[in-house]
Every structure is written in structure tokens, then in C-alpha cells.
Amino acid sequence: MSDPTTLARPSGGFAMLAVDQREALRDMMSRARSTDISDADMTEFKVAATRALTPYASAVLVDTEFAWDAVVEQNAVASSCSLIAAADRFVAGENEFVRESTFDTSLDYEALKRQGAKALKLLVLWREDQDPQSRVDEVRAFVDACRELDLVSIIEPVSRGRWDGEPTDVEAGVLAAAKELGDLGADIYKAEVPFKAAESDDRVYDACRELTDSINGPWVVLSSGVNAERFPDAVAIACRAGASGFLAGRAVWASVLGAESVDDELRTVSIPRLERLGAIVDENIRN
């Protein structure tokens, strides 16, 4: 039976690192370095970040498109850190790095498990003008597949604008997604921080309490869209409201992408950030 605690810290909280970003990472790196970024450039960064940071993470999320093979072959993951494989296939669209995200059934998940995968993650785009039943069906199929594989299932619902371009309350979608998908059997629910933590602590806390009420099982926050300096506060607030930690990348490593020596910056900037976030989880989770 898959056990989410295999991805946790001794405290029971989750301090999980994400390096599964794809075209969004290429864009971030290109902006930071003012040059075109190759697939090899992205793979090099992902391996470097994995090697430097996984001693301080309870688990690491890696994509199969650019990084999985390199990370495994180069033994970049610390022995104390569990491996999560991204099970989603992204399709880009106009002004969106991810227009669609689907469960990639073409991947050999038994092989990924033999290589060390303990869990799989699926990104689910929540749009108010798209069929909710198709989202529910895909999450259920993903959860069932993970159970059959004896792997931990992680779903990541992300609220996005309508496909027809009409106005929508994307923030309301964060809570609506949790009500729709939070009780479908996923072992861990990866949620956006309400209001991207840009509202008051009390408003963020109250919204996180709503997430806790809607999600049947442990949930963690992601850092996309949240100011990196604000993210530690967001993790603390979410954990006090019932979250169990984080699964995040940008708040940990995005600021080092343009560094002259990425390895040095990962060591001096990103490691302390990740250590601090782990300590915040330990101090604030409600066991």
C-alpha cells in the first residue's frame, strides 16, 4: 500500500522540492541570462539543483522530459530524499506555457518505479468553463493507476482563466477546485496559496481553512505566483490552517538562475531558504 509518509520529514510534514518545470523554466532562464536556453541548459540546471538541494528536502519532483534520466543516471538525489515523477503531459497555447495538462499514459511507470519513483504527480487545470466531469474522471483514473502501481498519488489543481476569454475569478477557482477534486482519493493535494499570499495573513488563513475543510487528506502549497520573500509566511499560515507542508521550486531556486556560478548560489542562497522552509513546516504543522 502506498504511504505518503515516505515523502515526509520526521515531523510528519512535507518539505518537497519541485524541479519539474518545463517551458516556464526555459522562459525564466532565458530572461535571467538574456540568451536562448537549450534543452541541455535546462537539464544541467535541474541536475545541479537536485544534487545541491535534495539533502535538505524530504522529496523531489522531477519531469521525465528533461531531467529524470539525467538525475537518476548521475545519482543526483540524496539517499534521504524520495523521488516523485511528473505524470503530466503539457500542451502549450497562446500566452500560456500550459494550455492543457493530461495524464501521460504513454510513460512506462513500472520502469520509473524500478528507478526509484515513490510517487506520481498530475497537474490539473481548473477552468470554470470547462467540463468538471472530465477533470473528475481524469483524477480518478490517475489515482486508480497510482494505487495499482503502489505509488503515492499527488494531484495539483491550478485555477486558470476561462478558455473563451470571458472574465473569471481565478482566486475563487482555487477553492472551487478543492471542493470538486479534494475528496477523490489522492494521497496528497498540492494547492495554490490563496490570493498568492498577497492579502492579509487573516484572509489567507481563512481561505486555507476552507481548503482544509474541502480536502480529504494531507495537502501542501506550491510557490508559483507567490513572492519569494512572502512564501515562508505563506507556508507558516497554511500549516497553521491545516496544511502539511509544501512542494515548491520557484521560491527556492528561481533567484539564482542568472548567477555567474549557479552552484555557488544554490549553496549560499537556496539551501538556507529550503532549510528555513523545512523548519517552518516542523514548527507549524498540526499533528
C-alpha atoms as a PDB file:
ATOM      1  CA  MET A   1       0.000   0.000   0.000  1.00  0.00           C
ATOM      2  CA  SER A   2       1.421   3.402  -0.979  1.00  0.00           C
ATOM      3  CA  ASP A   3       2.292   5.541   2.032  1.00  0.00           C
ATOM      4  CA  PRO A   4       2.520   9.355   1.794  1.00  0.00           C
ATOM      5  CA  THR A   5       4.756   9.447   4.863  1.00  0.00           C
ATOM      6  CA  THR A   6       7.581   8.083   2.683  1.00  0.00           C
ATOM      7  CA  LEU A   7       7.728  11.655   1.278  1.00  0.00           C
ATOM      8  CA  ALA A   8       7.687  13.351   4.697  1.00  0.00           C
ATOM      9  CA  ARG A   9      10.138  14.706   7.238  1.00  0.00           C
ATOM     10  CA  PRO A  10      10.468  13.031  10.659  1.00  0.00           C
ATOM     11  CA  SER A  11       7.959  15.601  11.944  1.00  0.00           C
ATOM     12  CA  GLY A  12       5.345  14.250   9.554  1.00  0.00           C
ATOM     13  CA  GLY A  13       5.421  17.434   7.478  1.00  0.00           C
ATOM     14  CA  PHE A  14       6.370  17.690   3.828  1.00  0.00           C
ATOM     15  CA  ALA A  15       9.297  19.820   2.613  1.00  0.00           C
ATOM     16  CA  MET A  16       9.306  18.838  -1.042  1.00  0.00           C
ATOM     17  CA  LEU A  17      11.302  20.388  -3.882  1.00  0.00           C
ATOM     18  CA  ALA A  18       9.995  20.834  -7.444  1.00  0.00           C
ATOM     19  CA  VAL A  19      12.284  20.823 -10.486  1.00  0.00           C
ATOM     20  CA  ASP A  20       9.657  19.608 -12.980  1.00  0.00           C
ATOM     21  CA  GLN A  21       9.030  22.978 -14.652  1.00  0.00           C
ATOM     22  CA  ARG A  22       9.378  22.792 -18.418  1.00  0.00           C
ATOM     23  CA  GLU A  23       8.844  25.651 -20.879  1.00  0.00           C
ATOM     24  CA  ALA A  24       8.175  28.011 -17.967  1.00  0.00           C
ATOM     25  CA  LEU A  25      11.690  27.245 -16.722  1.00  0.00           C
ATOM     26  CA  ARG A  26      13.152  27.860 -20.174  1.00  0.00           C
ATOM     27  CA  ASP A  27      11.492  31.288 -20.141  1.00  0.00           C
ATOM     28  CA  MET A  28      12.743  32.084 -16.619  1.00  0.00           C
ATOM     29  CA  MET A  29      16.282  31.058 -17.517  1.00  0.00           C
ATOM     30  CA  SER A  30      16.214  32.994 -20.781  1.00  0.00           C
ATOM     31  CA  ARG A  31      15.093  36.159 -19.002  1.00  0.00           C
ATOM     32  CA  ALA A  32      17.654  35.718 -16.240  1.00  0.00           C
ATOM     33  CA  ARG A  33      20.537  35.054 -18.636  1.00  0.00           C
ATOM     34  CA  SER A  34      19.432  37.195 -21.608  1.00  0.00           C
ATOM     35  CA  THR A  35      20.087  34.374 -24.054  1.00  0.00           C
ATOM     36  CA  ASP A  36      18.402  31.405 -25.674  1.00  0.00           C
ATOM     37  CA  ILE A  37      18.194  28.332 -23.450  1.00  0.00           C
ATOM     38  CA  SER A  38      18.694  24.829 -24.842  1.00  0.00           C
ATOM     39  CA  ASP A  39      17.245  21.585 -23.537  1.00  0.00           C
ATOM     40  CA  ALA A  40      20.739  20.730 -22.299  1.00  0.00           C
ATOM     41  CA  ASP A  41      20.899  24.013 -20.350  1.00  0.00           C
ATOM     42  CA  MET A  42      17.696  23.121 -18.541  1.00  0.00           C
ATOM     43  CA  THR A  43      18.845  19.589 -17.809  1.00  0.00           C
ATOM     44  CA  GLU A  44      22.129  20.913 -16.420  1.00  0.00           C
ATOM     45  CA  PHE A  45      20.328  23.270 -14.050  1.00  0.00           C
ATOM     46  CA  LYS A  46      17.837  20.638 -12.916  1.00  0.00           C
ATOM     47  CA  VAL A  47      20.612  18.172 -12.110  1.00  0.00           C
ATOM     48  CA  ALA A  48      22.618  20.845 -10.269  1.00  0.00           C
ATOM     49  CA  ALA A  49      19.604  21.937  -8.233  1.00  0.00           C
ATOM     50  CA  THR A  50      18.688  18.347  -7.429  1.00  0.00           C
ATOM     51  CA  ARG A  51      22.210  17.492  -6.301  1.00  0.00           C
ATOM     52  CA  ALA A  52      22.589  20.622  -4.162  1.00  0.00           C
ATOM     53  CA  LEU A  53      19.137  20.751  -2.588  1.00  0.00           C
ATOM     54  CA  THR A  54      17.829  17.219  -2.081  1.00  0.00           C
ATOM     55  CA  PRO A  55      19.859  16.662   1.119  1.00  0.00           C
ATOM     56  CA  TYR A  56      17.523  19.289   2.616  1.00  0.00           C
ATOM     57  CA  ALA A  57      14.254  18.128   1.007  1.00  0.00           C
ATOM     58  CA  SER A  58      12.011  15.246   2.015  1.00  0.00           C
ATOM     59  CA  ALA A  59      11.145  14.556  -1.648  1.00  0.00           C
ATOM     60  CA  VAL A  60      11.890  15.941  -5.094  1.00  0.00           C
ATOM     61  CA  LEU A  61       9.562  16.204  -8.102  1.00  0.00           C
ATOM     62  CA  VAL A  62      11.268  15.615 -11.459  1.00  0.00           C
ATOM     63  CA  ASP A  63       9.930  15.675 -15.032  1.00  0.00           C
ATOM     64  CA  THR A  64      10.650  12.865 -17.465  1.00  0.00           C
ATOM     65  CA  GLU A  65      11.003  15.204 -20.450  1.00  0.00           C
ATOM     66  CA  PHE A  66      14.234  16.979 -19.490  1.00  0.00           C
ATOM     67  CA  ALA A  67      15.597  15.659 -16.218  1.00  0.00           C
ATOM     68  CA  TRP A  68      14.542  12.236 -14.962  1.00  0.00           C
ATOM     69  CA  ASP A  69      17.115  10.093 -16.775  1.00  0.00           C
ATOM     70  CA  ALA A  70      19.963  12.514 -16.069  1.00  0.00           C
ATOM     71  CA  VAL A  71      19.049  12.842 -12.393  1.00  0.00           C
ATOM     72  CA  VAL A  72      18.878   9.071 -11.967  1.00  0.00           C
ATOM     73  CA  GLU A  73      21.974   8.236 -14.014  1.00  0.00           C
ATOM     74  CA  GLN A  74      24.072  10.852 -12.217  1.00  0.00           C
ATOM     75  CA  ASN A  75      22.827   9.790  -8.766  1.00  0.00           C
ATOM     76  CA  ALA A  76      21.880  13.394  -8.085  1.00  0.00           C
ATOM     77  CA  VAL A  77      19.206  12.628  -5.488  1.00  0.00           C
ATOM     78  CA  ALA A  78      20.269  12.382  -1.843  1.00  0.00           C
ATOM     79  CA  SER A  79      19.550   8.990  -0.282  1.00  0.00           C
ATOM     80  CA  SER A  80      17.352  10.677   2.323  1.00  0.00           C
ATOM     81  CA  CYS A  81      15.086  12.225  -0.347  1.00  0.00           C
ATOM     82  CA  SER A  82      12.214  10.415  -2.097  1.00  0.00           C
ATOM     83  CA  LEU A  83      11.646  10.675  -5.848  1.00  0.00           C
ATOM     84  CA  ILE A  84       8.395  11.887  -7.395  1.00  0.00           C
ATOM     85  CA  ALA A  85       7.851  11.581 -11.155  1.00  0.00           C
ATOM     86  CA  ALA A  86       5.735  14.088 -13.065  1.00  0.00           C
ATOM     87  CA  ALA A  87       2.990  12.132 -14.826  1.00  0.00           C
ATOM     88  CA  ASP A  88       1.523  15.034 -16.782  1.00  0.00           C
ATOM     89  CA  ARG A  89       1.877  15.950 -20.439  1.00  0.00           C
ATOM     90  CA  PHE A  90       1.723  19.669 -21.216  1.00  0.00           C
ATOM     91  CA  VAL A  91       0.349  21.302 -24.358  1.00  0.00           C
ATOM     92  CA  ALA A  92       1.209  24.978 -24.829  1.00  0.00           C
ATOM     93  CA  GLY A  93      -1.200  27.605 -26.087  1.00  0.00           C
ATOM     94  CA  GLU A  94      -1.270  31.292 -26.912  1.00  0.00           C
ATOM     95  CA  ASN A  95       0.204  33.210 -23.953  1.00  0.00           C
ATOM     96  CA  GLU A  96       0.205  30.027 -21.858  1.00  0.00           C
ATOM     97  CA  PHE A  97       3.091  27.640 -21.327  1.00  0.00           C
ATOM     98  CA  VAL A  98       0.493  25.062 -20.318  1.00  0.00           C
ATOM     99  CA  ARG A  99      -2.811  25.342 -22.155  1.00  0.00           C
ATOM    100  CA  GLU A 100      -3.719  21.732 -21.410  1.00  0.00           C
ATOM    101  CA  SER A 101      -2.389  19.135 -18.993  1.00  0.00           C
ATOM    102  CA  THR A 102      -3.289  15.468 -19.249  1.00  0.00           C
ATOM    103  CA  PHE A 103      -2.291  12.213 -17.558  1.00  0.00           C
ATOM    104  CA  ASP A 104       0.509  10.861 -19.754  1.00  0.00           C
ATOM    105  CA  THR A 105      -0.414   7.195 -20.138  1.00  0.00           C
ATOM    106  CA  SER A 106       2.434   6.641 -22.625  1.00  0.00           C
ATOM    107  CA  LEU A 107       5.093   6.635 -19.888  1.00  0.00           C
ATOM    108  CA  ASP A 108       6.454   3.359 -18.506  1.00  0.00           C
ATOM    109  CA  TYR A 109       5.562   3.824 -14.855  1.00  0.00           C
ATOM    110  CA  GLU A 110       6.796   0.392 -13.833  1.00  0.00           C
ATOM    111  CA  ALA A 111      10.217   1.416 -15.167  1.00  0.00           C
ATOM    112  CA  LEU A 112      10.079   4.717 -13.277  1.00  0.00           C
ATOM    113  CA  LYS A 113       9.220   2.788 -10.132  1.00  0.00           C
ATOM    114  CA  ARG A 114      12.201   0.497 -10.653  1.00  0.00           C
ATOM    115  CA  GLN A 115      14.361   3.619 -10.990  1.00  0.00           C
ATOM    116  CA  GLY A 116      13.180   4.803  -7.585  1.00  0.00           C
ATOM    117  CA  ALA A 117       9.889   6.651  -8.023  1.00  0.00           C
ATOM    118  CA  LYS A 118       7.810   6.616  -4.835  1.00  0.00           C
ATOM    119  CA  ALA A 119       5.045   8.888  -6.120  1.00  0.00           C
ATOM    120  CA  LEU A 120       3.482  10.438  -9.222  1.00  0.00           C
ATOM    121  CA  LYS A 121       2.148  13.977  -9.674  1.00  0.00           C
ATOM    122  CA  LEU A 122      -0.614  15.192 -12.013  1.00  0.00           C
ATOM    123  CA  LEU A 123      -1.280  18.858 -12.832  1.00  0.00           C
ATOM    124  CA  VAL A 124      -4.994  19.542 -13.327  1.00  0.00           C
ATOM    125  CA  LEU A 125      -6.041  22.862 -14.859  1.00  0.00           C
ATOM    126  CA  TRP A 126      -9.303  24.113 -13.352  1.00  0.00           C
ATOM    127  CA  ARG A 127     -11.267  26.438 -15.641  1.00  0.00           C
ATOM    128  CA  GLU A 128     -14.848  27.361 -14.866  1.00  0.00           C
ATOM    129  CA  ASP A 129     -15.956  26.996 -18.497  1.00  0.00           C
ATOM    130  CA  GLN A 130     -14.519  23.505 -18.928  1.00  0.00           C
ATOM    131  CA  ASP A 131     -16.350  20.262 -18.163  1.00  0.00           C
ATOM    132  CA  PRO A 132     -15.920  19.374 -14.483  1.00  0.00           C
ATOM    133  CA  GLN A 133     -16.723  15.717 -15.104  1.00  0.00           C
ATOM    134  CA  SER A 134     -13.708  15.342 -17.373  1.00  0.00           C
ATOM    135  CA  ARG A 135     -11.478  16.649 -14.564  1.00  0.00           C
ATOM    136  CA  VAL A 136     -13.061  14.311 -12.045  1.00  0.00           C
ATOM    137  CA  ASP A 137     -12.721  11.344 -14.383  1.00  0.00           C
ATOM    138  CA  GLU A 138      -9.057  12.071 -15.090  1.00  0.00           C
ATOM    139  CA  VAL A 139      -8.184  12.466 -11.415  1.00  0.00           C
ATOM    140  CA  ARG A 140      -9.963   9.211 -10.593  1.00  0.00           C
ATOM    141  CA  ALA A 141      -8.126   7.400 -13.396  1.00  0.00           C
ATOM    142  CA  PHE A 142      -4.811   8.803 -12.157  1.00  0.00           C
ATOM    143  CA  VAL A 143      -5.485   7.826  -8.545  1.00  0.00           C
ATOM    144  CA  ASP A 144      -6.532   4.330  -9.609  1.00  0.00           C
ATOM    145  CA  ALA A 145      -3.367   3.935 -11.686  1.00  0.00           C
ATOM    146  CA  CYS A 146      -1.202   5.018  -8.750  1.00  0.00           C
ATOM    147  CA  ARG A 147      -2.937   2.532  -6.457  1.00  0.00           C
ATOM    148  CA  GLU A 148      -2.363  -0.263  -8.952  1.00  0.00           C
ATOM    149  CA  LEU A 149       1.311   0.725  -9.148  1.00  0.00           C
ATOM    150  CA  ASP A 150       1.548   1.100  -5.355  1.00  0.00           C
ATOM    151  CA  LEU A 151       2.768   4.676  -5.777  1.00  0.00           C
ATOM    152  CA  VAL A 152       1.693   7.769  -3.840  1.00  0.00           C
ATOM    153  CA  SER A 153      -0.704   9.959  -5.862  1.00  0.00           C
ATOM    154  CA  ILE A 154      -0.297  13.750  -5.837  1.00  0.00           C
ATOM    155  CA  ILE A 155      -2.748  15.986  -7.679  1.00  0.00           C
ATOM    156  CA  GLU A 156      -2.051  19.658  -8.362  1.00  0.00           C
ATOM    157  CA  PRO A 157      -5.217  21.567  -9.308  1.00  0.00           C
ATOM    158  CA  VAL A 158      -4.364  25.048 -10.583  1.00  0.00           C
ATOM    159  CA  SER A 159      -7.019  27.677 -11.273  1.00  0.00           C
ATOM    160  CA  ARG A 160      -6.765  29.333 -14.687  1.00  0.00           C
ATOM    161  CA  GLY A 161      -8.778  31.765 -16.788  1.00  0.00           C
ATOM    162  CA  ARG A 162     -11.628  30.677 -18.999  1.00  0.00           C
ATOM    163  CA  TRP A 163     -10.864  29.313 -22.448  1.00  0.00           C
ATOM    164  CA  ASP A 164     -13.400  31.692 -24.003  1.00  0.00           C
ATOM    165  CA  GLY A 165     -11.543  34.694 -22.567  1.00  0.00           C
ATOM    166  CA  GLU A 166     -14.509  35.947 -20.561  1.00  0.00           C
ATOM    167  CA  PRO A 167     -13.771  37.437 -17.119  1.00  0.00           C
ATOM    168  CA  THR A 168     -13.413  34.955 -14.276  1.00  0.00           C
ATOM    169  CA  ASP A 169     -12.490  34.967 -10.595  1.00  0.00           C
ATOM    170  CA  VAL A 170      -9.333  32.883 -10.683  1.00  0.00           C
ATOM    171  CA  GLU A 171      -8.915  33.124  -6.908  1.00  0.00           C
ATOM    172  CA  ALA A 172     -12.382  31.688  -6.347  1.00  0.00           C
ATOM    173  CA  GLY A 173     -11.307  28.830  -8.590  1.00  0.00           C
ATOM    174  CA  VAL A 174      -8.632  27.772  -6.076  1.00  0.00           C
ATOM    175  CA  LEU A 175     -11.345  26.947  -3.531  1.00  0.00           C
ATOM    176  CA  ALA A 176     -13.776  25.613  -6.133  1.00  0.00           C
ATOM    177  CA  ALA A 177     -11.142  23.190  -7.387  1.00  0.00           C
ATOM    178  CA  ALA A 178     -10.597  21.873  -3.861  1.00  0.00           C
ATOM    179  CA  LYS A 179     -14.332  21.292  -3.394  1.00  0.00           C
ATOM    180  CA  GLU A 180     -14.511  19.492  -6.726  1.00  0.00           C
ATOM    181  CA  LEU A 181     -11.342  17.396  -6.558  1.00  0.00           C
ATOM    182  CA  GLY A 182     -10.302  17.270  -2.896  1.00  0.00           C
ATOM    183  CA  ASP A 183     -12.208  14.113  -1.982  1.00  0.00           C
ATOM    184  CA  LEU A 184     -11.373  11.831  -4.901  1.00  0.00           C
ATOM    185  CA  GLY A 185      -8.787   9.698  -3.140  1.00  0.00           C
ATOM    186  CA  ALA A 186      -5.485  11.409  -3.968  1.00  0.00           C
ATOM    187  CA  ASP A 187      -2.884  10.790  -1.273  1.00  0.00           C
ATOM    188  CA  ILE A 188      -1.644  14.415  -1.331  1.00  0.00           C
ATOM    189  CA  TYR A 189      -3.325  17.545  -2.696  1.00  0.00           C
ATOM    190  CA  LYS A 190      -0.968  20.280  -3.924  1.00  0.00           C
ATOM    191  CA  ALA A 191      -2.729  23.649  -3.722  1.00  0.00           C
ATOM    192  CA  GLU A 192      -2.067  27.206  -4.760  1.00  0.00           C
ATOM    193  CA  VAL A 193      -1.631  29.628  -1.875  1.00  0.00           C
ATOM    194  CA  PRO A 194      -4.906  31.572  -1.666  1.00  0.00           C
ATOM    195  CA  PHE A 195      -4.567  35.096  -3.051  1.00  0.00           C
ATOM    196  CA  LYS A 196      -0.925  34.205  -3.848  1.00  0.00           C
ATOM    197  CA  ALA A 197      -0.429  35.314  -0.217  1.00  0.00           C
ATOM    198  CA  ALA A 198      -0.816  38.951  -1.328  1.00  0.00           C
ATOM    199  CA  GLU A 199      -3.735  39.561   1.048  1.00  0.00           C
ATOM    200  CA  SER A 200      -3.607  39.882   4.837  1.00  0.00           C
ATOM    201  CA  ASP A 201      -2.498  36.949   6.982  1.00  0.00           C
ATOM    202  CA  ASP A 202      -6.046  36.602   8.313  1.00  0.00           C
ATOM    203  CA  ARG A 203      -7.608  36.398   4.840  1.00  0.00           C
ATOM    204  CA  VAL A 204      -5.016  33.868   3.681  1.00  0.00           C
ATOM    205  CA  TYR A 205      -5.548  31.827   6.862  1.00  0.00           C
ATOM    206  CA  ASP A 206      -9.343  31.782   6.479  1.00  0.00           C
ATOM    207  CA  ALA A 207      -9.065  30.657   2.853  1.00  0.00           C
ATOM    208  CA  CYS A 208      -6.583  27.955   3.845  1.00  0.00           C
ATOM    209  CA  ARG A 209      -9.063  26.753   6.469  1.00  0.00           C
ATOM    210  CA  GLU A 210     -11.598  26.391   3.645  1.00  0.00           C
ATOM    211  CA  LEU A 211      -9.077  24.292   1.736  1.00  0.00           C
ATOM    212  CA  THR A 212      -8.562  22.092   4.793  1.00  0.00           C
ATOM    213  CA  ASP A 213     -12.326  21.617   5.100  1.00  0.00           C
ATOM    214  CA  SER A 214     -12.634  20.650   1.420  1.00  0.00           C
ATOM    215  CA  ILE A 215      -9.636  18.331   1.076  1.00  0.00           C
ATOM    216  CA  ASN A 216      -9.873  14.820   2.486  1.00  0.00           C
ATOM    217  CA  GLY A 217      -6.240  14.091   3.336  1.00  0.00           C
ATOM    218  CA  PRO A 218      -2.938  15.936   3.593  1.00  0.00           C
ATOM    219  CA  TRP A 219      -2.390  18.989   1.432  1.00  0.00           C
ATOM    220  CA  VAL A 220       0.630  21.151   0.654  1.00  0.00           C
ATOM    221  CA  VAL A 221       1.191  24.517  -1.010  1.00  0.00           C
ATOM    222  CA  LEU A 222       3.084  25.420  -4.162  1.00  0.00           C
ATOM    223  CA  SER A 223       5.048  28.632  -4.609  1.00  0.00           C
ATOM    224  CA  SER A 224       4.242  29.733  -8.164  1.00  0.00           C
ATOM    225  CA  GLY A 225       2.873  33.267  -8.154  1.00  0.00           C
ATOM    226  CA  VAL A 226       3.922  33.956  -4.567  1.00  0.00           C
ATOM    227  CA  ASN A 227       6.637  36.499  -3.848  1.00  0.00           C
ATOM    228  CA  ALA A 228       9.690  34.507  -2.723  1.00  0.00           C
ATOM    229  CA  GLU A 229      10.136  36.700   0.351  1.00  0.00           C
ATOM    230  CA  ARG A 230       6.499  36.148   1.306  1.00  0.00           C
ATOM    231  CA  PHE A 231       6.491  32.389   0.747  1.00  0.00           C
ATOM    232  CA  PRO A 232       7.858  31.409   4.192  1.00  0.00           C
ATOM    233  CA  ASP A 233       4.989  33.341   5.815  1.00  0.00           C
ATOM    234  CA  ALA A 234       2.550  31.663   3.423  1.00  0.00           C
ATOM    235  CA  VAL A 235       3.823  28.206   4.401  1.00  0.00           C
ATOM    236  CA  ALA A 236       3.501  29.018   8.097  1.00  0.00           C
ATOM    237  CA  ILE A 237      -0.037  30.376   7.675  1.00  0.00           C
ATOM    238  CA  ALA A 238      -1.136  27.399   5.565  1.00  0.00           C
ATOM    239  CA  CYS A 239       0.316  24.894   8.034  1.00  0.00           C
ATOM    240  CA  ARG A 240      -1.381  26.574  10.981  1.00  0.00           C
ATOM    241  CA  ALA A 241      -4.625  26.314   8.982  1.00  0.00           C
ATOM    242  CA  GLY A 242      -4.206  22.599   8.377  1.00  0.00           C
ATOM    243  CA  ALA A 243      -1.741  22.173   5.525  1.00  0.00           C
ATOM    244  CA  SER A 244       1.081  19.662   5.895  1.00  0.00           C
ATOM    245  CA  GLY A 245       3.925  21.494   4.157  1.00  0.00           C
ATOM    246  CA  PHE A 246       4.976  22.489   0.661  1.00  0.00           C
ATOM    247  CA  LEU A 247       6.022  21.196  -2.739  1.00  0.00           C
ATOM    248  CA  ALA A 248       7.776  24.159  -4.326  1.00  0.00           C
ATOM    249  CA  GLY A 249      10.533  25.201  -6.678  1.00  0.00           C
ATOM    250  CA  ARG A 250      10.492  28.845  -7.705  1.00  0.00           C
ATOM    251  CA  ALA A 251      10.624  30.258  -4.176  1.00  0.00           C
ATOM    252  CA  VAL A 252      13.717  28.167  -3.523  1.00  0.00           C
ATOM    253  CA  TRP A 253      15.804  28.490  -6.693  1.00  0.00           C
ATOM    254  CA  ALA A 254      14.353  30.994  -9.184  1.00  0.00           C
ATOM    255  CA  SER A 255      16.531  33.882  -7.998  1.00  0.00           C
ATOM    256  CA  VAL A 256      19.775  32.010  -8.758  1.00  0.00           C
ATOM    257  CA  LEU A 257      19.054  31.265 -12.418  1.00  0.00           C
ATOM    258  CA  GLY A 258      21.104  34.205 -13.701  1.00  0.00           C
ATOM    259  CA  ALA A 259      24.037  33.760 -11.343  1.00  0.00           C
ATOM    260  CA  GLU A 260      27.580  33.616 -12.678  1.00  0.00           C
ATOM    261  CA  SER A 261      28.029  30.450 -10.628  1.00  0.00           C
ATOM    262  CA  VAL A 262      24.707  28.693 -10.171  1.00  0.00           C
ATOM    263  CA  ASP A 263      26.323  26.039  -7.964  1.00  0.00           C
ATOM    264  CA  ASP A 264      27.637  28.692  -5.580  1.00  0.00           C
ATOM    265  CA  GLU A 265      24.286  30.470  -5.410  1.00  0.00           C
ATOM    266  CA  LEU A 266      22.403  27.229  -4.834  1.00  0.00           C
ATOM    267  CA  ARG A 267      24.706  26.588  -1.900  1.00  0.00           C
ATOM    268  CA  THR A 268      24.652  30.063  -0.368  1.00  0.00           C
ATOM    269  CA  VAL A 269      21.090  31.183  -1.210  1.00  0.00           C
ATOM    270  CA  SER A 270      18.834  28.230  -1.986  1.00  0.00           C
ATOM    271  CA  ILE A 271      19.992  25.791   0.690  1.00  0.00           C
ATOM    272  CA  PRO A 272      19.331  28.259   3.554  1.00  0.00           C
ATOM    273  CA  ARG A 273      15.909  29.034   2.072  1.00  0.00           C
ATOM    274  CA  LEU A 274      14.995  25.361   1.918  1.00  0.00           C
ATOM    275  CA  GLU A 275      16.299  24.713   5.423  1.00  0.00           C
ATOM    276  CA  ARG A 276      14.242  27.621   6.749  1.00  0.00           C
ATOM    277  CA  LEU A 277      11.107  26.373   4.992  1.00  0.00           C
ATOM    278  CA  GLY A 278      11.578  22.894   6.433  1.00  0.00           C
ATOM    279  CA  ALA A 279      11.924  24.332   9.935  1.00  0.00           C
ATOM    280  CA  ILE A 280       8.750  26.395   9.416  1.00  0.00           C
ATOM    281  CA  VAL A 281       6.849  23.250   8.454  1.00  0.00           C
ATOM    282  CA  ASP A 282       8.096  21.401  11.539  1.00  0.00           C
ATOM    283  CA  GLU A 283       7.111  24.308  13.800  1.00  0.00           C
ATOM    284  CA  ASN A 284       3.632  24.918  12.372  1.00  0.00           C
ATOM    285  CA  ILE A 285       2.037  21.659  11.262  1.00  0.00           C
ATOM    286  CA  ARG A 286      -0.835  20.420  13.394  1.00  0.00           C
ATOM    287  CA  ASN A 287      -0.018  16.764  14.078  1.00  0.00           C
END
